[in-house]
Amino acid sequence: MTIVTKKGDGGHTSLRYGRPVSKTDARVEAYGTVDELGSALGFAKALLREEPKTTGYGELLHTVQSQLLSVGADLATTAEDHASRNKAQFNPAFLDWLDAEIAKLEKIVKMNGFVLPGANPPSGYVHLARTVARRAEREVLRLLQVEECEQVRSMLPYLNRLSDFLWLLGERLAQS
């Protein structure tokens, strides 16, 4: 079995449920950036395995990666397919979870003004992921300028808060 289909060689790909689009489509840009974010978090998670003082933070990143798979699935689904299939993956409870984790981090992170990322490898990579999260949010906003979709709009607060969470986590890891 091979993963090579050659179907994308001409600059097109298929969304969830098979709708063909250009690889430069706003949807593809949005879910591609979310995919990049998940990969950056995976690298940070791998670095955390080497840091004994950071127990538990890898599990947080794993949870976010799982949530991002749902975000990406919905970004790869057109508004029309969302309406006709009613199979949204993104769960608004993800935002509640994220807000609770932010509250926990705010209690232990010392905020001392401007931050230069890179105190250690895990912190630096979490801060890099934070910047990708911000770009993902911008890409989703660009998508919404082209195609209104309530399911996509509903994930904006999550993506916005995710960069806050990653900032706090990056700082927590820098202070470890």
N, C-alpha and C. Protein backbone atom coordinates (compact mmCIF):
# COMPACT_ATOMS: atom_id res chain seq x y z
N MET A 1 0.85 -1.18 0.00
CA MET A 1 0.00 0.00 0.00
C MET A 1 0.89 1.24 0.00
N THR A 2 0.47 2.25 -0.73
CA THR A 2 1.24 3.50 -0.81
C THR A 2 0.34 4.68 -0.45
N ILE A 3 0.95 5.73 0.08
CA ILE A 3 0.18 6.94 0.36
C ILE A 3 0.20 7.87 -0.85
N VAL A 4 0.99 7.54 -1.85
CA VAL A 4 1.12 8.37 -3.05
C VAL A 4 -0.07 8.11 -3.97
N THR A 5 -0.90 9.12 -4.15
CA THR A 5 -2.06 8.98 -5.05
C THR A 5 -1.86 9.76 -6.36
N LYS A 6 -1.00 10.75 -6.33
CA LYS A 6 -0.72 11.63 -7.47
C LYS A 6 -1.91 12.52 -7.82
N LYS A 7 -2.98 12.46 -7.02
CA LYS A 7 -4.16 13.28 -7.29
C LYS A 7 -3.89 14.76 -7.04
N GLY A 8 -2.93 15.08 -6.19
CA GLY A 8 -2.64 16.47 -5.87
C GLY A 8 -1.55 17.08 -6.72
N ASP A 9 -1.04 16.34 -7.67
CA ASP A 9 0.07 16.84 -8.48
C ASP A 9 -0.27 18.09 -9.28
N GLY A 10 -1.54 18.30 -9.58
CA GLY A 10 -1.96 19.45 -10.37
C GLY A 10 -2.35 20.66 -9.55
N GLY A 11 -2.08 20.62 -8.24
CA GLY A 11 -2.37 21.78 -7.40
C GLY A 11 -3.74 21.78 -6.77
N HIS A 12 -4.41 20.63 -6.78
CA HIS A 12 -5.73 20.51 -6.17
C HIS A 12 -5.72 19.42 -5.12
N THR A 13 -6.65 19.51 -4.21
CA THR A 13 -6.82 18.50 -3.17
C THR A 13 -8.31 18.35 -2.92
N SER A 14 -8.66 17.45 -2.05
CA SER A 14 -10.07 17.25 -1.71
C SER A 14 -10.29 17.54 -0.25
N LEU A 15 -11.39 18.22 0.02
CA LEU A 15 -11.79 18.47 1.40
C LEU A 15 -12.45 17.22 1.95
N ARG A 16 -12.81 17.29 3.21
CA ARG A 16 -13.56 16.21 3.82
C ARG A 16 -14.85 16.03 3.02
N TYR A 17 -15.25 14.85 2.78
CA TYR A 17 -16.41 14.48 1.97
C TYR A 17 -16.16 14.66 0.48
N GLY A 18 -14.90 14.86 0.10
CA GLY A 18 -14.52 14.76 -1.31
C GLY A 18 -14.63 15.98 -2.19
N ARG A 19 -14.97 17.13 -1.66
CA ARG A 19 -15.09 18.32 -2.51
C ARG A 19 -13.69 18.77 -2.97
N PRO A 20 -13.49 18.88 -4.29
CA PRO A 20 -12.18 19.31 -4.79
C PRO A 20 -11.99 20.82 -4.66
N VAL A 21 -10.78 21.24 -4.26
CA VAL A 21 -10.43 22.65 -4.15
C VAL A 21 -8.96 22.83 -4.50
N SER A 22 -8.60 24.07 -4.78
CA SER A 22 -7.20 24.41 -5.00
C SER A 22 -6.43 24.28 -3.68
N LYS A 23 -5.18 23.93 -3.77
CA LYS A 23 -4.36 23.84 -2.56
C LYS A 23 -4.10 25.21 -1.95
N THR A 24 -4.46 26.28 -2.66
CA THR A 24 -4.34 27.63 -2.11
C THR A 24 -5.66 28.14 -1.54
N ASP A 25 -6.68 27.30 -1.52
CA ASP A 25 -7.99 27.66 -0.97
C ASP A 25 -7.84 28.09 0.49
N ALA A 26 -8.65 29.04 0.91
CA ALA A 26 -8.59 29.54 2.29
C ALA A 26 -8.80 28.42 3.30
N ARG A 27 -9.63 27.45 2.98
CA ARG A 27 -9.85 26.32 3.89
C ARG A 27 -8.58 25.50 4.05
N VAL A 28 -7.91 25.25 2.95
CA VAL A 28 -6.67 24.45 2.99
C VAL A 28 -5.59 25.20 3.77
N GLU A 29 -5.52 26.51 3.58
CA GLU A 29 -4.55 27.31 4.35
C GLU A 29 -4.85 27.22 5.84
N ALA A 30 -6.13 27.29 6.19
CA ALA A 30 -6.52 27.27 7.61
C ALA A 30 -6.22 25.91 8.23
N TYR A 31 -6.68 24.83 7.61
CA TYR A 31 -6.44 23.53 8.25
C TYR A 31 -4.98 23.12 8.13
N GLY A 32 -4.28 23.60 7.13
CA GLY A 32 -2.84 23.34 7.03
C GLY A 32 -2.07 24.00 8.17
N THR A 33 -2.47 25.20 8.53
CA THR A 33 -1.82 25.90 9.65
C THR A 33 -2.15 25.22 10.97
N VAL A 34 -3.36 24.73 11.12
CA VAL A 34 -3.72 23.98 12.33
C VAL A 34 -2.91 22.69 12.40
N ASP A 35 -2.70 22.05 11.26
CA ASP A 35 -1.87 20.84 11.21
C ASP A 35 -0.43 21.18 11.62
N GLU A 36 0.09 22.29 11.12
CA GLU A 36 1.43 22.74 11.49
C GLU A 36 1.52 22.98 13.00
N LEU A 37 0.48 23.58 13.56
CA LEU A 37 0.44 23.82 15.00
C LEU A 37 0.50 22.51 15.76
N GLY A 38 -0.28 21.53 15.34
CA GLY A 38 -0.26 20.22 16.01
C GLY A 38 1.12 19.59 15.95
N SER A 39 1.81 19.74 14.84
CA SER A 39 3.16 19.20 14.72
C SER A 39 4.15 19.92 15.63
N ALA A 40 4.02 21.25 15.70
CA ALA A 40 4.89 22.01 16.60
C ALA A 40 4.67 21.59 18.04
N LEU A 41 3.42 21.36 18.41
CA LEU A 41 3.12 20.90 19.77
C LEU A 41 3.68 19.50 20.01
N GLY A 42 3.67 18.68 18.98
CA GLY A 42 4.27 17.35 19.09
C GLY A 42 5.75 17.42 19.37
N PHE A 43 6.43 18.35 18.72
CA PHE A 43 7.87 18.51 18.98
C PHE A 43 8.10 19.00 20.40
N ALA A 44 7.30 19.96 20.84
CA ALA A 44 7.42 20.45 22.22
C ALA A 44 7.16 19.32 23.20
N LYS A 45 6.16 18.50 22.91
CA LYS A 45 5.83 17.36 23.77
C LYS A 45 7.00 16.39 23.86
N ALA A 46 7.65 16.14 22.73
CA ALA A 46 8.82 15.25 22.73
C ALA A 46 9.95 15.84 23.57
N LEU A 47 10.16 17.14 23.49
CA LEU A 47 11.19 17.78 24.30
C LEU A 47 10.87 17.69 25.80
N LEU A 48 9.59 17.75 26.13
CA LEU A 48 9.19 17.68 27.54
C LEU A 48 9.50 16.33 28.16
N ARG A 49 9.54 15.28 27.35
CA ARG A 49 9.86 13.95 27.88
C ARG A 49 11.26 13.92 28.48
N GLU A 50 12.11 14.82 28.01
CA GLU A 50 13.50 14.86 28.48
C GLU A 50 13.68 15.76 29.70
N GLU A 51 12.62 16.42 30.14
CA GLU A 51 12.67 17.35 31.26
C GLU A 51 11.88 16.79 32.44
N PRO A 52 12.56 16.25 33.45
CA PRO A 52 11.84 15.63 34.56
C PRO A 52 10.98 16.60 35.38
N LYS A 53 11.29 17.88 35.37
CA LYS A 53 10.53 18.86 36.17
C LYS A 53 9.22 19.28 35.50
N THR A 54 8.92 18.76 34.34
CA THR A 54 7.75 19.22 33.60
C THR A 54 6.65 18.16 33.51
N THR A 55 6.60 17.26 34.45
CA THR A 55 5.61 16.19 34.44
C THR A 55 4.20 16.76 34.32
N GLY A 56 3.44 16.19 33.43
CA GLY A 56 2.04 16.59 33.25
C GLY A 56 1.82 17.54 32.09
N TYR A 57 2.83 18.32 31.74
CA TYR A 57 2.62 19.30 30.67
C TYR A 57 2.56 18.64 29.29
N GLY A 58 3.24 17.53 29.12
CA GLY A 58 3.13 16.79 27.87
C GLY A 58 1.72 16.28 27.63
N GLU A 59 1.05 15.87 28.72
CA GLU A 59 -0.33 15.40 28.60
C GLU A 59 -1.25 16.55 28.19
N LEU A 60 -0.97 17.75 28.71
CA LEU A 60 -1.77 18.92 28.28
C LEU A 60 -1.62 19.15 26.78
N LEU A 61 -0.38 19.08 26.31
CA LEU A 61 -0.15 19.29 24.88
C LEU A 61 -0.80 18.19 24.06
N HIS A 62 -0.79 16.97 24.56
CA HIS A 62 -1.44 15.87 23.87
C HIS A 62 -2.95 16.13 23.73
N THR A 63 -3.55 16.63 24.80
CA THR A 63 -4.97 16.96 24.76
C THR A 63 -5.24 18.04 23.71
N VAL A 64 -4.40 19.06 23.68
CA VAL A 64 -4.58 20.13 22.68
C VAL A 64 -4.42 19.56 21.28
N GLN A 65 -3.43 18.70 21.07
CA GLN A 65 -3.26 18.10 19.75
C GLN A 65 -4.53 17.35 19.33
N SER A 66 -5.12 16.60 20.25
CA SER A 66 -6.35 15.87 19.94
C SER A 66 -7.48 16.83 19.59
N GLN A 67 -7.58 17.92 20.33
CA GLN A 67 -8.60 18.92 20.03
C GLN A 67 -8.36 19.55 18.66
N LEU A 68 -7.10 19.77 18.32
CA LEU A 68 -6.78 20.37 17.03
C LEU A 68 -7.15 19.45 15.86
N LEU A 69 -7.13 18.15 16.08
CA LEU A 69 -7.60 17.24 15.03
C LEU A 69 -9.06 17.51 14.71
N SER A 70 -9.84 17.78 15.74
CA SER A 70 -11.26 18.12 15.53
C SER A 70 -11.41 19.46 14.83
N VAL A 71 -10.60 20.43 15.23
CA VAL A 71 -10.62 21.75 14.58
C VAL A 71 -10.30 21.58 13.10
N GLY A 72 -9.25 20.83 12.81
CA GLY A 72 -8.84 20.63 11.42
C GLY A 72 -9.91 19.92 10.60
N ALA A 73 -10.57 18.93 11.20
CA ALA A 73 -11.64 18.22 10.48
C ALA A 73 -12.76 19.17 10.10
N ASP A 74 -13.13 20.05 11.02
CA ASP A 74 -14.20 21.00 10.70
C ASP A 74 -13.75 22.05 9.70
N LEU A 75 -12.49 22.43 9.75
CA LEU A 75 -11.99 23.39 8.76
C LEU A 75 -11.96 22.76 7.37
N ALA A 76 -11.82 21.46 7.30
CA ALA A 76 -11.79 20.75 6.02
C ALA A 76 -13.18 20.38 5.53
N THR A 77 -14.21 20.93 6.18
CA THR A 77 -15.60 20.64 5.83
C THR A 77 -16.28 21.95 5.44
N THR A 78 -16.88 22.00 4.28
CA THR A 78 -17.56 23.21 3.84
C THR A 78 -18.79 23.49 4.69
N ALA A 79 -19.25 24.73 4.66
CA ALA A 79 -20.47 25.10 5.38
C ALA A 79 -21.64 24.25 4.90
N GLU A 80 -21.70 24.03 3.61
CA GLU A 80 -22.78 23.21 3.04
C GLU A 80 -22.75 21.80 3.61
N ASP A 81 -21.56 21.20 3.68
CA ASP A 81 -21.45 19.85 4.22
C ASP A 81 -21.72 19.82 5.72
N HIS A 82 -21.33 20.88 6.43
CA HIS A 82 -21.68 20.96 7.85
C HIS A 82 -23.19 20.96 8.02
N ALA A 83 -23.87 21.73 7.18
CA ALA A 83 -25.33 21.85 7.30
C ALA A 83 -26.03 20.55 6.93
N SER A 84 -25.56 19.89 5.90
CA SER A 84 -26.28 18.69 5.43
C SER A 84 -25.91 17.43 6.21
N ARG A 85 -24.72 17.38 6.78
CA ARG A 85 -24.29 16.16 7.46
C ARG A 85 -24.35 16.26 8.98
N ASN A 86 -24.31 17.50 9.49
CA ASN A 86 -24.41 17.74 10.93
C ASN A 86 -23.46 16.84 11.73
N LYS A 87 -22.21 16.77 11.29
CA LYS A 87 -21.21 15.94 11.96
C LYS A 87 -20.02 16.78 12.39
N ALA A 88 -20.26 17.83 13.12
CA ALA A 88 -19.18 18.68 13.58
C ALA A 88 -18.29 17.91 14.55
N GLN A 89 -17.01 18.18 14.48
CA GLN A 89 -16.03 17.54 15.35
C GLN A 89 -15.65 18.44 16.53
N PHE A 90 -15.58 19.74 16.28
CA PHE A 90 -15.18 20.67 17.33
C PHE A 90 -16.25 20.72 18.41
N ASN A 91 -15.82 20.64 19.64
CA ASN A 91 -16.74 20.64 20.77
C ASN A 91 -16.53 21.93 21.56
N PRO A 92 -17.56 22.72 21.78
CA PRO A 92 -17.40 23.96 22.56
C PRO A 92 -16.84 23.71 23.97
N ALA A 93 -16.94 22.50 24.48
CA ALA A 93 -16.37 22.17 25.79
C ALA A 93 -14.85 22.27 25.77
N PHE A 94 -14.23 22.21 24.57
CA PHE A 94 -12.78 22.40 24.49
C PHE A 94 -12.39 23.76 25.06
N LEU A 95 -13.22 24.77 24.79
CA LEU A 95 -12.93 26.12 25.29
C LEU A 95 -13.02 26.15 26.82
N ASP A 96 -14.00 25.48 27.38
CA ASP A 96 -14.12 25.43 28.84
C ASP A 96 -12.89 24.77 29.46
N TRP A 97 -12.44 23.68 28.86
CA TRP A 97 -11.24 22.99 29.34
C TRP A 97 -10.03 23.93 29.28
N LEU A 98 -9.89 24.62 28.15
CA LEU A 98 -8.75 25.53 27.97
C LEU A 98 -8.80 26.66 28.98
N ASP A 99 -9.97 27.24 29.20
CA ASP A 99 -10.09 28.31 30.19
C ASP A 99 -9.69 27.83 31.59
N ALA A 100 -10.07 26.59 31.94
CA ALA A 100 -9.71 26.04 33.24
C ALA A 100 -8.19 25.85 33.35
N GLU A 101 -7.57 25.40 32.29
CA GLU A 101 -6.11 25.22 32.30
C GLU A 101 -5.39 26.57 32.37
N ILE A 102 -5.93 27.57 31.69
CA ILE A 102 -5.35 28.91 31.77
C ILE A 102 -5.42 29.42 33.20
N ALA A 103 -6.55 29.23 33.85
CA ALA A 103 -6.71 29.69 35.24
C ALA A 103 -5.68 29.03 36.15
N LYS A 104 -5.43 27.74 35.94
CA LYS A 104 -4.42 27.04 36.75
C LYS A 104 -3.03 27.63 36.52
N LEU A 105 -2.70 27.86 35.26
CA LEU A 105 -1.37 28.40 34.94
C LEU A 105 -1.21 29.82 35.46
N GLU A 106 -2.26 30.62 35.38
CA GLU A 106 -2.17 32.01 35.86
C GLU A 106 -1.85 32.08 37.35
N LYS A 107 -2.22 31.06 38.09
CA LYS A 107 -1.94 31.04 39.53
C LYS A 107 -0.47 30.75 39.83
N ILE A 108 0.26 30.13 38.88
CA ILE A 108 1.63 29.75 39.18
C ILE A 108 2.69 30.45 38.33
N VAL A 109 2.27 31.11 37.27
CA VAL A 109 3.24 31.79 36.39
C VAL A 109 3.48 33.20 36.89
N LYS A 110 4.74 33.53 37.07
CA LYS A 110 5.12 34.89 37.44
C LYS A 110 5.26 35.70 36.15
N MET A 111 4.45 36.74 36.03
CA MET A 111 4.52 37.57 34.82
C MET A 111 5.37 38.79 35.12
N ASN A 112 6.50 38.85 34.42
CA ASN A 112 7.47 39.91 34.68
C ASN A 112 7.72 40.78 33.45
N GLY A 113 6.70 41.17 32.75
CA GLY A 113 6.88 42.05 31.61
C GLY A 113 7.15 41.29 30.33
N PHE A 114 7.85 41.95 29.43
CA PHE A 114 8.12 41.39 28.10
C PHE A 114 8.95 40.12 28.22
N VAL A 115 8.71 39.19 27.34
CA VAL A 115 9.37 37.88 27.38
C VAL A 115 10.16 37.66 26.11
N LEU A 116 11.37 37.19 26.27
CA LEU A 116 12.16 36.71 25.14
C LEU A 116 12.14 35.19 25.19
N PRO A 117 11.42 34.54 24.26
CA PRO A 117 11.34 33.09 24.29
C PRO A 117 12.71 32.43 24.15
N GLY A 118 12.82 31.25 24.74
CA GLY A 118 14.03 30.46 24.55
C GLY A 118 14.81 30.17 25.82
N ALA A 119 14.17 30.25 26.97
CA ALA A 119 14.86 29.95 28.22
C ALA A 119 15.37 28.51 28.22
N ASN A 120 14.64 27.62 27.59
CA ASN A 120 15.05 26.23 27.43
C ASN A 120 14.31 25.69 26.20
N PRO A 121 14.72 24.54 25.66
CA PRO A 121 14.08 24.06 24.43
C PRO A 121 12.57 23.86 24.51
N PRO A 122 12.03 23.22 25.55
CA PRO A 122 10.56 23.06 25.55
C PRO A 122 9.83 24.40 25.57
N SER A 123 10.29 25.33 26.39
CA SER A 123 9.66 26.64 26.46
C SER A 123 9.74 27.36 25.12
N GLY A 124 10.90 27.32 24.51
CA GLY A 124 11.06 27.98 23.21
C GLY A 124 10.14 27.40 22.16
N TYR A 125 9.99 26.08 22.16
CA TYR A 125 9.14 25.48 21.14
C TYR A 125 7.67 25.71 21.42
N VAL A 126 7.28 25.79 22.69
CA VAL A 126 5.88 26.13 23.01
C VAL A 126 5.59 27.56 22.56
N HIS A 127 6.56 28.46 22.74
CA HIS A 127 6.36 29.83 22.26
C HIS A 127 6.28 29.87 20.73
N LEU A 128 7.06 29.04 20.06
CA LEU A 128 6.95 28.97 18.60
C LEU A 128 5.56 28.47 18.21
N ALA A 129 5.07 27.46 18.91
CA ALA A 129 3.72 26.95 18.65
C ALA A 129 2.68 28.04 18.88
N ARG A 130 2.91 28.88 19.88
CA ARG A 130 1.99 30.00 20.16
C ARG A 130 1.87 30.91 18.95
N THR A 131 2.98 31.18 18.28
CA THR A 131 2.92 32.06 17.11
C THR A 131 2.18 31.38 15.96
N VAL A 132 2.31 30.07 15.86
CA VAL A 132 1.56 29.33 14.83
C VAL A 132 0.07 29.36 15.17
N ALA A 133 -0.26 29.28 16.45
CA ALA A 133 -1.67 29.37 16.87
C ALA A 133 -2.26 30.72 16.48
N ARG A 134 -1.48 31.76 16.64
CA ARG A 134 -1.97 33.09 16.24
C ARG A 134 -2.20 33.16 14.73
N ARG A 135 -1.29 32.56 13.97
CA ARG A 135 -1.46 32.54 12.52
C ARG A 135 -2.68 31.71 12.14
N ALA A 136 -2.89 30.59 12.83
CA ALA A 136 -4.06 29.76 12.54
C ALA A 136 -5.34 30.56 12.75
N GLU A 137 -5.37 31.34 13.82
CA GLU A 137 -6.55 32.18 14.07
C GLU A 137 -6.75 33.17 12.92
N ARG A 138 -5.67 33.77 12.44
CA ARG A 138 -5.79 34.72 11.32
C ARG A 138 -6.26 34.01 10.05
N GLU A 139 -5.78 32.79 9.82
CA GLU A 139 -6.19 32.04 8.63
C GLU A 139 -7.68 31.69 8.70
N VAL A 140 -8.17 31.36 9.89
CA VAL A 140 -9.59 31.07 10.06
C VAL A 140 -10.41 32.33 9.80
N LEU A 141 -9.93 33.47 10.27
CA LEU A 141 -10.63 34.73 9.99
C LEU A 141 -10.66 35.02 8.49
N ARG A 142 -9.56 34.74 7.79
CA ARG A 142 -9.55 34.92 6.33
C ARG A 142 -10.58 34.00 5.66
N LEU A 143 -10.65 32.78 6.14
CA LEU A 143 -11.64 31.84 5.60
C LEU A 143 -13.05 32.38 5.79
N LEU A 144 -13.32 32.93 6.96
CA LEU A 144 -14.67 33.45 7.23
C LEU A 144 -15.00 34.67 6.39
N GLN A 145 -13.99 35.37 5.88
CA GLN A 145 -14.25 36.48 4.96
C GLN A 145 -14.72 35.97 3.60
N VAL A 146 -14.33 34.76 3.27
CA VAL A 146 -14.69 34.16 1.99
C VAL A 146 -15.97 33.33 2.09
N GLU A 147 -16.11 32.62 3.20
CA GLU A 147 -17.25 31.71 3.36
C GLU A 147 -17.69 31.72 4.82
N GLU A 148 -18.88 32.18 5.06
CA GLU A 148 -19.42 32.17 6.43
C GLU A 148 -19.82 30.75 6.79
N CYS A 149 -19.39 30.32 7.96
CA CYS A 149 -19.71 28.99 8.44
C CYS A 149 -19.76 29.06 9.96
N GLU A 150 -20.92 28.81 10.53
CA GLU A 150 -21.08 28.94 11.98
C GLU A 150 -20.17 27.99 12.73
N GLN A 151 -19.98 26.78 12.21
CA GLN A 151 -19.11 25.82 12.89
C GLN A 151 -17.68 26.34 12.96
N VAL A 152 -17.23 26.95 11.90
CA VAL A 152 -15.87 27.53 11.89
C VAL A 152 -15.83 28.75 12.81
N ARG A 153 -16.83 29.60 12.74
CA ARG A 153 -16.85 30.79 13.60
C ARG A 153 -16.82 30.40 15.07
N SER A 154 -17.46 29.29 15.43
CA SER A 154 -17.54 28.88 16.83
C SER A 154 -16.19 28.50 17.41
N MET A 155 -15.22 28.20 16.57
CA MET A 155 -13.90 27.81 17.09
C MET A 155 -12.95 28.99 17.27
N LEU A 156 -13.36 30.18 16.83
CA LEU A 156 -12.48 31.36 16.98
C LEU A 156 -12.08 31.65 18.44
N PRO A 157 -13.01 31.63 19.40
CA PRO A 157 -12.59 31.87 20.78
C PRO A 157 -11.57 30.84 21.26
N TYR A 158 -11.74 29.59 20.85
CA TYR A 158 -10.79 28.55 21.22
C TYR A 158 -9.40 28.86 20.68
N LEU A 159 -9.32 29.19 19.40
CA LEU A 159 -8.02 29.49 18.80
C LEU A 159 -7.39 30.72 19.43
N ASN A 160 -8.20 31.72 19.73
CA ASN A 160 -7.69 32.92 20.38
C ASN A 160 -7.13 32.58 21.76
N ARG A 161 -7.88 31.82 22.52
CA ARG A 161 -7.46 31.47 23.87
C ARG A 161 -6.27 30.52 23.86
N LEU A 162 -6.16 29.72 22.80
CA LEU A 162 -5.05 28.77 22.72
C LEU A 162 -3.70 29.48 22.73
N SER A 163 -3.60 30.60 22.06
CA SER A 163 -2.33 31.33 22.07
C SER A 163 -2.04 31.86 23.48
N ASP A 164 -3.08 32.27 24.23
CA ASP A 164 -2.87 32.69 25.62
C ASP A 164 -2.36 31.53 26.47
N PHE A 165 -3.01 30.38 26.30
CA PHE A 165 -2.60 29.18 27.03
C PHE A 165 -1.14 28.84 26.73
N LEU A 166 -0.78 28.87 25.45
CA LEU A 166 0.59 28.51 25.08
C LEU A 166 1.59 29.54 25.59
N TRP A 167 1.22 30.80 25.66
CA TRP A 167 2.11 31.81 26.24
C TRP A 167 2.37 31.48 27.70
N LEU A 168 1.30 31.22 28.42
CA LEU A 168 1.45 30.89 29.85
C LEU A 168 2.25 29.60 30.05
N LEU A 169 1.97 28.59 29.24
CA LEU A 169 2.72 27.35 29.37
C LEU A 169 4.19 27.55 29.03
N GLY A 170 4.45 28.31 27.97
CA GLY A 170 5.84 28.62 27.64
C GLY A 170 6.57 29.29 28.78
N GLU A 171 5.90 30.22 29.43
CA GLU A 171 6.50 30.90 30.58
C GLU A 171 6.66 29.97 31.76
N ARG A 172 5.68 29.12 32.00
CA ARG A 172 5.80 28.15 33.09
C ARG A 172 7.00 27.25 32.88
N LEU A 173 7.18 26.79 31.65
CA LEU A 173 8.31 25.93 31.33
C LEU A 173 9.64 26.68 31.45
N ALA A 174 9.63 27.96 31.15
CA ALA A 174 10.85 28.76 31.29
C ALA A 174 11.22 28.94 32.75
N GLN A 175 10.24 28.95 33.62
CA GLN A 175 10.48 29.16 35.05
C GLN A 175 10.73 27.86 35.79
N SER A 176 10.63 26.72 35.10
CA SER A 176 10.83 25.40 35.76
C SER A 176 12.29 25.15 36.05
